[in-house]
Protein backbone atom coordinates (compact mmCIF):
# COMPACT_ATOMS: atom_id res chain seq x y z
CA MET A 1 -209.45 85.89 -82.14
CA LYS A 2 -212.65 87.45 -80.81
CA LYS A 3 -213.92 84.04 -79.72
CA ARG A 4 -210.65 83.39 -77.90
CA ILE A 5 -210.89 86.68 -76.02
CA ILE A 6 -214.47 85.87 -74.99
CA ALA A 7 -213.37 82.42 -73.87
CA VAL A 8 -210.58 83.92 -71.73
CA LEU A 9 -213.03 86.32 -70.10
CA LEU A 10 -215.43 83.47 -69.37
CA VAL A 11 -212.66 81.43 -67.74
CA ILE A 12 -211.67 84.36 -65.51
CA ILE A 13 -215.25 85.31 -64.61
CA THR A 14 -216.21 81.71 -63.87
CA THR A 15 -213.13 81.11 -61.74
CA PHE A 16 -213.54 84.23 -59.64
CA SER A 17 -217.30 83.69 -59.33
CA VAL A 18 -216.67 80.25 -57.85
CA MET A 19 -214.04 81.69 -55.49
CA ALA A 20 -216.49 84.35 -54.32
CA VAL A 21 -218.74 81.68 -52.78
CA PRO A 22 -217.48 80.85 -49.25
CA VAL A 23 -215.74 77.49 -49.26
CA GLY A 24 -217.55 75.03 -47.00
CA ALA A 25 -220.61 77.29 -46.82
CA VAL A 26 -222.76 75.00 -48.95
CA SER A 27 -224.82 72.43 -47.08
CA GLU A 28 -224.31 68.87 -48.34
CA LYS A 29 -227.88 68.04 -47.36
CA ASN A 30 -229.77 70.56 -49.47
CA ASN A 31 -226.94 72.01 -51.57
CA LYS A 32 -227.82 75.53 -50.38
CA ILE A 33 -225.73 78.19 -48.71
CA ASP A 34 -226.30 78.04 -44.95
CA ILE A 35 -226.47 81.73 -44.00
CA VAL A 36 -227.00 81.03 -40.30
CA ASP A 37 -223.88 78.87 -40.16
CA ILE A 38 -221.84 81.51 -42.00
CA TRP A 39 -223.13 84.19 -39.63
CA ASN A 40 -222.18 82.19 -36.55
CA ASN A 41 -218.97 80.54 -37.70
CA GLY A 42 -217.75 82.53 -40.67
CA TYR A 43 -216.23 80.81 -43.67
CA PRO A 44 -212.68 79.79 -44.65
CA MET A 45 -210.55 82.80 -45.54
CA PHE A 46 -209.31 82.77 -49.11
CA ASP A 47 -205.61 83.00 -48.34
CA ILE A 48 -202.76 84.21 -50.52
CA GLY A 49 -201.51 80.69 -51.16
CA SER A 50 -204.88 79.69 -52.60
CA PHE A 51 -204.95 82.89 -54.63
CA LEU A 52 -201.58 82.07 -56.17
CA GLU A 53 -202.75 78.54 -56.94
CA THR A 54 -205.75 80.11 -58.71
CA VAL A 55 -203.44 82.39 -60.70
CA MET A 56 -201.57 79.32 -61.91
CA PHE A 57 -204.89 77.64 -62.79
CA ILE A 58 -205.89 80.65 -64.91
CA ASN A 59 -202.38 80.53 -66.38
CA THR A 60 -202.97 76.95 -67.54
CA GLN A 61 -206.39 77.76 -68.98
CA MET A 62 -205.00 80.70 -70.96
CA ASN A 63 -202.27 78.47 -72.34
CA THR A 64 -204.91 75.98 -73.50
CA ILE A 65 -207.04 78.65 -75.15
CA LEU A 66 -204.52 81.19 -76.43
CA GLY A 67 -201.35 79.16 -76.58
CA PHE A 68 -199.34 81.31 -74.16
CA LYS A 69 -198.95 81.64 -70.40
CA LEU A 70 -198.91 84.67 -68.15
CA PHE A 71 -196.21 82.95 -66.08
CA ASN A 72 -193.97 80.02 -66.72
CA GLU A 73 -194.41 76.89 -64.62
CA GLU A 74 -191.30 77.52 -62.56
CA LYS A 75 -191.81 78.79 -59.02
CA LEU A 76 -189.65 81.47 -57.46
CA ILE A 77 -187.43 79.95 -54.78
CA VAL A 78 -188.13 81.80 -51.52
CA ARG A 79 -186.61 80.77 -48.18
CA THR A 80 -186.47 82.12 -44.63
CA ASP A 81 -183.68 81.88 -42.07
CA GLU A 82 -184.08 80.29 -38.61
CA VAL A 83 -185.51 83.38 -36.91
CA LEU A 84 -188.06 84.19 -39.60
CA THR A 85 -189.00 80.53 -40.07
CA GLY A 86 -190.05 80.58 -36.43
CA VAL A 87 -192.11 83.72 -37.07
CA VAL A 88 -193.82 82.10 -40.08
CA GLU A 89 -194.61 79.01 -38.00
CA ASP A 90 -196.03 81.17 -35.19
CA ILE A 91 -198.28 83.00 -37.65
CA PHE A 92 -199.51 79.71 -39.08
CA GLU A 93 -200.21 78.24 -35.64
CA MET A 94 -202.07 81.37 -34.57
CA THR A 95 -204.04 82.16 -37.71
CA GLY A 96 -203.82 79.22 -40.10
CA VAL A 97 -202.28 81.49 -42.73
CA ASN A 98 -199.61 79.32 -44.33
CA PHE A 99 -196.89 81.64 -45.63
CA ASP A 100 -194.72 78.63 -46.37
CA LEU A 101 -197.40 77.64 -48.90
CA VAL A 102 -197.35 81.19 -50.25
CA PHE A 103 -193.59 81.11 -50.78
CA LYS A 104 -193.80 77.76 -52.55
CA ASN A 105 -196.45 79.04 -54.95
CA LEU A 106 -194.92 82.35 -56.03
CA PRO A 107 -194.62 82.12 -59.82
CA GLN A 108 -191.57 83.49 -61.58
CA SER A 109 -192.00 86.46 -63.88
CA ASN A 110 -188.47 86.30 -65.22
CA GLN A 111 -189.68 86.00 -68.80
CA TYR A 112 -190.92 89.58 -68.60
CA ALA A 113 -187.67 90.82 -67.10
CA GLU A 114 -185.81 89.02 -69.89
CA LEU A 115 -188.12 90.61 -72.49
CA VAL A 116 -187.56 94.11 -71.11
CA THR A 117 -183.79 93.82 -70.80
CA SER A 118 -183.39 92.27 -74.26
CA THR A 119 -185.80 94.67 -76.00
CA LEU A 120 -184.12 97.72 -74.46
CA ASN A 121 -180.68 96.14 -74.82
CA LEU A 122 -179.94 96.95 -71.19
CA ASN A 123 -176.69 96.35 -69.40
CA ILE A 124 -178.30 94.80 -66.34
CA PRO A 125 -175.69 95.76 -63.70
CA GLU A 126 -175.61 99.36 -64.98
CA ALA A 127 -179.42 99.60 -65.07
CA GLN A 128 -179.60 98.21 -61.53
CA ALA A 129 -176.99 100.68 -60.28
CA PHE A 130 -179.02 103.57 -61.78
CA LEU A 131 -182.25 102.36 -60.16
CA ASN A 132 -180.50 101.77 -56.84
CA ASP A 133 -179.27 105.38 -56.91
CA LEU A 134 -182.87 106.55 -57.44
CA SER A 135 -183.94 104.34 -54.56
CA GLY A 136 -181.29 105.85 -52.32
CA GLN A 137 -182.36 109.35 -53.35
CA GLY A 138 -185.94 108.53 -52.38
CA PHE A 139 -184.78 107.29 -48.99
CA ARG A 140 -182.75 110.43 -48.30
CA GLU A 141 -185.66 112.67 -49.31
CA GLY A 142 -188.20 110.70 -47.30
CA ASN A 143 -189.98 109.47 -50.44
CA MET A 144 -190.50 105.85 -49.40
CA VAL A 145 -192.59 105.00 -52.47
CA GLN A 146 -189.70 105.94 -54.77
CA CYS A 147 -187.26 104.18 -52.46
CA VAL A 148 -189.15 100.87 -52.45
CA VAL A 149 -190.42 100.85 -56.04
CA MET A 150 -187.02 101.64 -57.60
CA ARG A 151 -185.35 98.96 -55.48
CA VAL A 152 -187.96 96.34 -56.38
CA ILE A 153 -187.66 97.10 -60.11
CA SER A 154 -183.89 96.92 -59.82
CA ILE A 155 -184.08 93.46 -58.26
CA TRP A 156 -186.67 92.29 -60.78
CA LEU A 157 -184.54 93.35 -63.76
CA GLY A 158 -181.68 91.25 -62.41
CA ILE A 159 -183.58 88.02 -63.25
CA VAL A 160 -183.95 86.53 -59.78
CA ASP A 161 -183.04 82.91 -59.16
CA ASP A 162 -183.29 82.66 -55.38
CA VAL A 163 -184.63 84.83 -52.54
CA GLN A 164 -183.97 84.41 -48.83
CA PHE A 165 -185.48 86.54 -46.05
CA VAL A 166 -182.88 87.05 -43.33
CA ALA A 167 -183.18 88.56 -39.84
CA GLU A 168 -179.83 90.16 -38.96
CA PRO A 169 -179.13 90.89 -35.27
CA VAL A 170 -178.82 94.57 -34.33
CA SER A 171 -175.71 95.45 -32.36
CA GLY A 172 -176.45 96.54 -28.80
CA ASN A 173 -180.00 95.16 -28.70
CA PRO A 174 -180.33 91.37 -28.33
CA ASN A 175 -184.09 91.55 -28.93
CA LEU A 176 -183.93 93.38 -32.26
CA PHE A 177 -183.36 91.90 -35.73
CA ARG A 178 -183.27 93.81 -39.01
CA LEU A 179 -185.13 92.27 -41.94
CA CYS A 180 -182.97 91.83 -45.04
CA VAL A 181 -183.47 90.09 -48.36
CA ALA A 182 -180.59 88.08 -49.82
CA ILE A 183 -180.93 87.65 -53.59
CA THR A 184 -179.12 85.46 -56.07
CA TYR A 185 -179.42 86.40 -59.74
CA ARG A 186 -179.34 83.96 -62.61
CA ASP A 187 -175.91 85.18 -63.70
CA GLY A 188 -174.51 84.20 -60.27
CA ARG A 189 -174.32 87.68 -58.74
CA ASN A 190 -175.44 88.16 -55.16
CA ASP A 191 -177.36 91.14 -53.81
CA LYS A 192 -178.72 92.15 -50.41
CA ALA A 193 -181.61 94.55 -49.86
CA THR A 194 -181.74 95.93 -46.35
CA THR A 195 -185.03 97.28 -45.05
CA ASP A 196 -186.09 99.53 -42.22
CA ILE A 197 -188.32 96.74 -40.89
CA TYR A 198 -187.21 95.18 -37.60
CA TYR A 199 -188.47 92.20 -35.64
CA ASP A 200 -188.60 92.80 -31.89
CA THR A 201 -188.58 89.42 -30.17
CA LYS A 202 -189.55 90.94 -26.81
CA LEU A 203 -192.64 92.67 -28.22
CA ASN A 204 -193.19 89.90 -30.78
CA GLN A 205 -193.84 92.66 -33.26
CA PHE A 206 -192.50 94.06 -36.51
CA VAL A 207 -191.50 97.67 -35.98
CA GLY A 208 -189.63 100.39 -37.79
CA LYS A 209 -186.53 102.24 -36.72
CA ASP A 210 -186.66 103.36 -33.07
CA GLY A 211 -189.96 101.52 -32.56
CA SER A 212 -191.86 103.46 -35.22
CA PRO A 213 -194.38 101.71 -37.53
CA ALA A 214 -192.77 98.97 -39.58
CA LEU A 215 -193.76 99.93 -43.13
CA PHE A 216 -195.67 102.90 -44.53
CA GLY A 217 -197.05 103.67 -41.08
CA TYR A 218 -198.23 100.14 -40.16
CA TYR A 219 -197.40 97.88 -37.22
CA LEU A 220 -197.78 94.09 -37.12
CA ASN A 221 -198.16 92.48 -33.70
CA LEU A 222 -197.67 88.73 -33.87
CA SER A 223 -199.05 88.03 -30.40
CA ASP A 224 -202.60 88.66 -31.58
CA GLY A 225 -201.97 88.74 -35.33
CA VAL A 226 -203.21 92.32 -35.62
CA VAL A 227 -202.01 94.88 -38.16
CA TYR A 228 -202.69 98.46 -37.08
CA THR A 229 -201.77 101.98 -38.09
CA GLY A 230 -199.54 104.61 -36.60
CA ILE A 231 -200.47 108.28 -36.72
CA ASP A 232 -198.47 109.22 -39.81
CA VAL A 233 -199.54 106.31 -41.99
CA TRP A 234 -199.29 107.12 -45.72
CA GLN A 235 -203.07 107.41 -46.19
CA ARG A 236 -203.05 110.51 -43.99
CA GLN A 237 -201.72 112.54 -46.91
CA LEU A 238 -204.63 111.55 -49.14
CA GLY A 239 -207.67 112.49 -47.07
CA PHE A 240 -210.96 110.66 -47.61
CA ASN A 241 -213.15 110.41 -50.67
CA ILE A 242 -216.20 108.19 -51.12
CA PHE A 243 -214.59 106.69 -54.22
CA TYR A 244 -212.18 104.81 -51.94
CA ASP A 245 -215.14 102.89 -50.55
CA ILE A 246 -216.64 102.44 -54.01
CA PHE A 247 -213.37 100.90 -55.20
CA CYS A 248 -213.45 98.43 -52.31
CA TYR A 249 -217.09 97.55 -53.01
CA LEU A 250 -216.06 96.77 -56.59
CA THR A 251 -213.30 94.40 -55.39
CA PRO A 252 -215.18 91.96 -53.10
CA PHE A 253 -212.49 89.36 -53.71
CA PHE A 254 -210.18 91.43 -51.47
CA PHE A 255 -212.56 93.59 -49.41
CA HIS A 256 -215.94 92.88 -47.90
CA TYR A 257 -216.97 95.52 -45.40
CA THR A 258 -219.76 97.88 -44.47
CA THR A 259 -219.50 101.44 -43.21
CA GLN A 260 -221.35 104.28 -41.44
CA ARG A 261 -220.69 108.01 -41.36
CA VAL A 262 -221.57 110.54 -38.65
CA LYS A 263 -221.38 114.14 -39.89
CA PHE A 264 -221.61 117.30 -37.81
CA ASN A 265 -220.40 120.90 -37.62
CA TYR A 266 -218.14 122.14 -34.84
CA ASP A 267 -215.75 125.06 -34.35
CA GLY A 268 -216.25 126.39 -37.88
CA LYS A 269 -215.49 123.06 -39.57
CA ASP A 270 -217.41 120.17 -41.06
CA TRP A 271 -216.48 116.98 -39.21
CA MET A 272 -217.04 113.34 -40.02
CA PHE A 273 -216.58 110.21 -37.93
CA GLN A 274 -216.52 107.14 -40.17
CA ILE A 275 -216.66 103.53 -38.99
CA TRP A 276 -215.85 100.41 -41.03
CA LYS A 277 -216.06 96.70 -40.20
CA GLY A 278 -215.57 93.55 -42.22
CA ARG A 279 -212.97 91.52 -44.10
CA TYR A 280 -209.80 93.09 -45.43
CA ALA A 281 -207.93 90.63 -47.71
CA ILE A 282 -206.90 87.90 -45.22
CA ALA A 283 -207.96 89.75 -42.07
CA ASN A 284 -211.10 90.67 -40.13
CA GLY A 285 -211.22 94.06 -38.53
CA GLY A 286 -212.48 97.57 -38.24
CA GLU A 287 -211.63 101.26 -38.42
CA VAL A 288 -212.77 104.49 -36.79
CA GLY A 289 -211.59 107.65 -38.55
CA VAL A 290 -211.84 111.36 -37.84
CA TYR A 291 -212.02 113.78 -40.79
CA THR A 292 -212.52 117.53 -41.18
CA ARG A 293 -212.86 120.19 -43.86
CA ASP A 294 -213.69 123.87 -44.20
CA GLU A 295 -217.43 124.36 -43.78
CA SER A 296 -217.59 126.27 -47.06
CA LYS A 297 -216.73 123.11 -49.00
CA ASP A 298 -219.10 120.40 -50.15
CA GLY A 299 -218.88 117.05 -51.90
CA THR A 300 -217.44 113.88 -50.39
CA PHE A 301 -213.81 114.88 -49.85
CA TYR A 302 -212.52 115.40 -46.30
CA ASP A 303 -209.04 115.93 -44.91
CA CYS A 304 -207.70 113.52 -42.33
CA ALA A 305 -207.80 115.23 -38.95
CA ALA A 306 -204.76 117.43 -38.27
CA ASP A 307 -202.75 117.01 -35.07
CA GLU A 308 -204.80 119.66 -33.27
CA ASP A 309 -208.03 117.84 -34.17
CA MET A 310 -207.00 114.34 -33.14
CA LEU A 311 -209.10 112.73 -30.41
CA VAL A 312 -208.53 110.04 -27.79
CA MET A 313 -210.12 106.90 -29.24
CA SER A 314 -210.30 103.19 -28.45
CA MET A 315 -211.81 100.28 -30.36
CA ASP A 316 -212.94 96.74 -29.55
CA VAL A 317 -213.99 94.36 -32.32
CA TYR A 318 -216.33 91.45 -31.53
CA HIS A 319 -217.69 88.51 -33.44
CA GLY A 320 -220.86 87.68 -31.56
CA ASP A 321 -219.84 87.61 -27.89
CA GLU A 322 -216.21 86.83 -28.72
CA LEU A 323 -213.75 89.70 -28.41
CA LEU A 324 -211.42 89.37 -31.38
CA PHE A 325 -209.02 92.16 -30.32
CA SER A 326 -208.80 95.58 -28.66
CA ARG A 327 -207.06 98.79 -29.54
CA PRO A 328 -206.39 100.76 -26.34
CA ALA A 329 -207.35 104.42 -25.92
CA ALA A 330 -204.84 106.74 -27.60
CA LEU A 331 -204.71 110.14 -29.24
CA HIS A 332 -205.27 109.42 -32.91
CA TRP A 333 -207.16 110.33 -36.05
CA TRP A 334 -207.64 106.77 -37.35
CA VAL A 335 -207.75 103.85 -34.93
CA THR A 336 -207.62 100.54 -36.82
CA GLY A 337 -207.14 96.84 -36.35
CA PHE A 338 -206.95 94.03 -38.93
CA GLN A 339 -206.58 90.55 -37.44
CA ILE A 340 -205.03 87.97 -39.76
CA SER A 341 -207.17 84.83 -39.67
CA ASP A 342 -208.01 81.61 -41.45
CA THR A 343 -211.72 82.39 -40.99
CA ALA A 344 -213.58 85.28 -42.61
CA TYR A 345 -216.61 86.79 -40.90
CA LEU A 346 -219.54 88.58 -42.47
CA PRO A 347 -219.34 92.33 -41.76
CA GLN A 348 -222.85 92.29 -40.30
CA SER A 349 -221.82 89.64 -37.76
CA LEU A 350 -219.08 91.90 -36.36
CA THR A 351 -219.61 94.57 -33.71
CA ILE A 352 -217.41 97.60 -33.10
CA VAL A 353 -217.40 99.32 -29.73
CA SER A 354 -215.46 102.59 -29.83
CA THR A 355 -215.12 105.27 -27.17
CA ILE A 356 -214.20 108.76 -28.39
CA THR A 357 -213.45 111.68 -26.05
CA MET A 358 -214.91 114.97 -27.26
CA LYS A 359 -213.05 118.27 -26.90
CA ASP A 360 -215.82 120.04 -25.01
CA LYS A 361 -219.58 120.16 -24.35
CA GLU A 362 -220.27 121.96 -27.62
CA MET A 363 -218.65 119.18 -29.62
CA LEU A 364 -220.43 116.55 -27.52
CA ASP A 365 -223.82 118.11 -28.25
CA ALA A 366 -223.08 118.35 -31.97
CA VAL A 367 -222.15 114.66 -32.16
CA VAL A 368 -225.17 113.56 -30.12
CA GLU A 369 -227.46 115.52 -32.44
CA ALA A 370 -225.85 113.83 -35.47
CA LEU A 371 -226.22 110.41 -33.86
CA GLN A 372 -229.95 110.96 -33.49
CA LEU A 373 -230.09 110.57 -37.28
CA LYS A 374 -228.47 107.13 -36.88
CA LYS A 375 -230.96 105.95 -34.23
CA GLY A 376 -231.51 102.22 -34.55
CA ILE A 377 -228.27 101.82 -36.51
CA ILE A 378 -225.56 103.06 -34.16
CA ASP A 379 -226.15 102.84 -30.40
CA TYR A 380 -224.35 105.28 -28.12
CA GLU A 381 -223.79 106.11 -24.48
CA VAL A 382 -222.51 109.37 -23.02
CA ASN A 383 -220.26 109.53 -19.98
CA GLY A 384 -218.92 113.02 -19.37
CA LEU A 385 -217.17 113.98 -22.60
CA ASP A 386 -216.87 110.34 -23.68
CA ILE A 387 -219.21 108.89 -26.28
CA THR A 388 -219.19 105.11 -26.68
CA LEU A 389 -220.43 104.00 -30.10
CA THR A 390 -221.72 100.46 -30.58
CA TRP A 391 -222.33 99.27 -34.12
């Protein structure tokens, strides 16, 4: 048994080690990684479809070694209606991210749902009704995590046979469609999960109710393929801790970025500007965040800037001389942009240009003094109360 466990670990480590090397980055001539080429042109993004294919590969290897599979060979049937099929095609044309491939490679996990329901001797419709009530309670109380998680578990317990994403027109607004999920269970029952995600054909963007962020504080603009955050994104409740970055450094398969921090004291508080740039799953992008804490505290934890401490910020992200995307100046605490792409860029080959408007001359001087410690790393220019950071 011990040998089998070691063999499984070797399969997983070997597989993910191979995937960590950029596809197409090895020169056929000398069989070496061409760093200059990767710097200039990036490397193929490891998309979700390829990830799912890899999961099925590991599944097969585990079956060979241990005699059982994580997932059965059946794929979950996922379809889109006419409106959303057009959206998927637009995304593929713009970014090369093939969500049709993703849908066709989603493995079923019904065997686990069957195991749970049979072991607990659950009446599936009754269990689903109970979970749906909890989901509704979460929605009414503004607890979106409870709302979504309970609904997803409810659907999963039903033993799903077929899933279709549907965009339903919204009465009174010809440009707005509400995203729904039509589900067929193995026992023949039909279900429909409505979401608070809307597709605005005029803006070519996924939004939430009344134009708010689509999901957990995030927008997705399909015109430039950029995901970005609203002010009250869910991370705002968590603050910042250096362990968030450490976690991302330990998961290079999903994240590959670099970061800089600018710390200073102003108005009786410790402040921190933090900048990130690099690859985020299947996107290239960057972030500029504003954080504060009481000056009597130490350690690495900061609160996300409160409303009264938000600043007007903008951000442009470049690869070489190419402008990938811009986030216009707005009052915010965390300006972000993650552009979905079929090409991943090295963090060091990206440049962030961000202009932040200080509250007054005292704050300006404090930031300039802090930036002197970053001389040669972060360039900056001062124009009135505006500081433009280039990194």
